[in-house]
Amino acid sequence: MKKANPRSKLKASTKPEPTRCRATKSVARSAIQIGVGRKVQNGTKIAKVISLLRGPKGATIDAMRKVTGWQAHSVRGALAGAIKKKLGLDIVSEKTGDVRTYRIAS
């Protein structure tokens, strides 16, 4: 007969379980409504990019880089992934001269 290894038994934890961080009402109020049922917290880098894209002229990659501190490929990835796919916003790009601007379609 095989003996049970005393180390394999789980000990009852004496520590209380950690509480989950829940969004408070003040945090919920500070979110901006994006599309149908989607919200983005104010002050986040994605929210800053969205506010630039909602401007009348839109925004360039360089403008979004300065606001977020990201590299150009990270800005383009955020446009394609977080903003276009996850949030479902339509992004329009227009090239005037040598400068390409992006904006959210109305």
Protein backbone atom coordinates (compact mmCIF):
# COMPACT_ATOMS: atom_id res chain seq x y z
CA MET A 1 0.00 0.00 0.00
CA LYS A 2 1.27 3.45 -0.97
CA LYS A 3 1.54 6.21 1.64
CA ALA A 4 0.08 9.63 0.88
CA ASN A 5 2.60 12.37 0.49
CA PRO A 6 1.90 14.99 3.19
CA ARG A 7 3.17 17.74 0.92
CA SER A 8 0.58 17.00 -1.75
CA LYS A 9 -2.33 17.80 0.53
CA LEU A 10 -3.76 21.27 0.24
CA LYS A 11 -3.71 23.32 3.39
CA ALA A 12 -6.59 25.54 4.32
CA SER A 13 -5.60 29.11 3.69
CA THR A 14 -5.75 31.46 6.62
CA LYS A 15 -5.51 34.52 4.42
CA PRO A 16 -8.73 36.18 3.30
CA GLU A 17 -9.39 36.02 -0.40
CA PRO A 18 -8.47 39.20 -2.27
CA THR A 19 -11.37 41.37 -3.27
CA ARG A 20 -11.85 42.24 -6.90
CA CYS A 21 -11.52 45.80 -8.01
CA ARG A 22 -14.92 46.93 -9.21
CA ALA A 23 -15.66 50.01 -11.20
CA THR A 24 -17.30 52.69 -9.14
CA LYS A 25 -19.95 55.06 -10.33
CA SER A 26 -17.41 57.83 -10.74
CA VAL A 27 -15.33 55.65 -13.04
CA ALA A 28 -18.40 54.70 -15.05
CA ARG A 29 -19.25 58.37 -15.51
CA SER A 30 -15.76 59.14 -16.76
CA ALA A 31 -16.11 56.71 -19.66
CA ILE A 32 -16.89 57.94 -23.13
CA GLN A 33 -19.54 56.14 -25.15
CA ILE A 34 -18.17 54.53 -28.31
CA GLY A 35 -20.68 52.99 -30.69
CA VAL A 36 -23.33 50.61 -29.46
CA GLY A 37 -22.76 49.51 -25.88
CA ARG A 38 -18.99 50.16 -25.92
CA LYS A 39 -17.18 52.49 -23.56
CA VAL A 40 -13.57 53.59 -23.26
CA GLN A 41 -12.21 55.12 -20.07
CA ASN A 42 -11.26 58.80 -20.27
CA GLY A 43 -7.58 59.52 -19.95
CA THR A 44 -6.45 56.30 -21.62
CA LYS A 45 -4.26 56.45 -24.68
CA ILE A 46 -6.95 54.89 -26.86
CA ALA A 47 -9.42 57.57 -25.70
CA LYS A 48 -6.90 60.26 -26.62
CA VAL A 49 -6.43 58.75 -30.08
CA ILE A 50 -10.20 58.56 -30.58
CA SER A 51 -10.62 62.20 -29.60
CA LEU A 52 -7.97 63.16 -32.17
CA LEU A 53 -9.69 61.07 -34.84
CA ARG A 54 -13.04 62.71 -34.11
CA GLY A 55 -11.65 66.17 -34.85
CA PRO A 56 -12.84 67.92 -38.01
CA LYS A 57 -9.56 67.36 -39.84
CA GLY A 58 -8.73 63.99 -38.31
CA ALA A 59 -5.18 63.17 -37.21
CA THR A 60 -1.88 62.08 -38.65
CA ILE A 61 0.26 59.21 -37.37
CA ASP A 62 2.75 61.74 -35.99
CA ALA A 63 0.05 63.56 -34.01
CA MET A 64 -1.13 60.28 -32.50
CA ARG A 65 2.47 59.31 -31.74
CA LYS A 66 3.05 62.55 -29.81
CA VAL A 67 -0.09 62.11 -27.72
CA THR A 68 0.49 58.46 -26.84
CA GLY A 69 4.26 58.11 -26.87
CA TRP A 70 3.94 55.05 -29.12
CA GLN A 71 5.92 54.18 -32.20
CA ALA A 72 4.29 54.47 -35.62
CA HIS A 73 3.67 50.73 -36.03
CA SER A 74 1.96 50.65 -32.62
CA VAL A 75 -0.37 53.48 -33.63
CA ARG A 76 -1.29 51.66 -36.84
CA GLY A 77 -1.86 48.46 -34.85
CA ALA A 78 -4.14 50.28 -32.43
CA LEU A 79 -6.11 51.74 -35.33
CA ALA A 80 -6.61 48.32 -36.90
CA GLY A 81 -7.05 46.23 -33.76
CA ALA A 82 -8.47 48.17 -30.85
CA ILE A 83 -10.36 50.90 -32.64
CA LYS A 84 -11.51 49.22 -35.85
CA LYS A 85 -12.00 45.59 -34.80
CA LYS A 86 -12.84 45.73 -31.10
CA LEU A 87 -14.73 49.02 -30.97
CA GLY A 88 -16.24 48.70 -34.44
CA LEU A 89 -15.52 52.26 -35.54
CA ASP A 90 -15.04 53.03 -39.23
CA ILE A 91 -11.72 54.72 -39.91
CA VAL A 92 -11.19 56.63 -43.13
CA SER A 93 -7.72 57.51 -44.37
CA GLU A 94 -7.10 60.31 -46.85
CA LYS A 95 -3.85 61.37 -48.42
CA THR A 96 -3.33 65.03 -49.29
CA GLY A 97 0.09 65.65 -50.74
CA ASP A 98 2.60 63.70 -48.68
CA VAL A 99 0.53 63.60 -45.49
CA ARG A 100 -1.96 60.85 -44.69
CA THR A 101 -4.72 61.73 -42.24
CA TYR A 102 -7.07 59.37 -40.45
CA ARG A 103 -10.51 60.17 -39.11
CA ILE A 104 -13.61 58.40 -37.86
CA ALA A 105 -16.33 58.26 -40.51
CA SER A 106 -19.55 60.01 -39.53
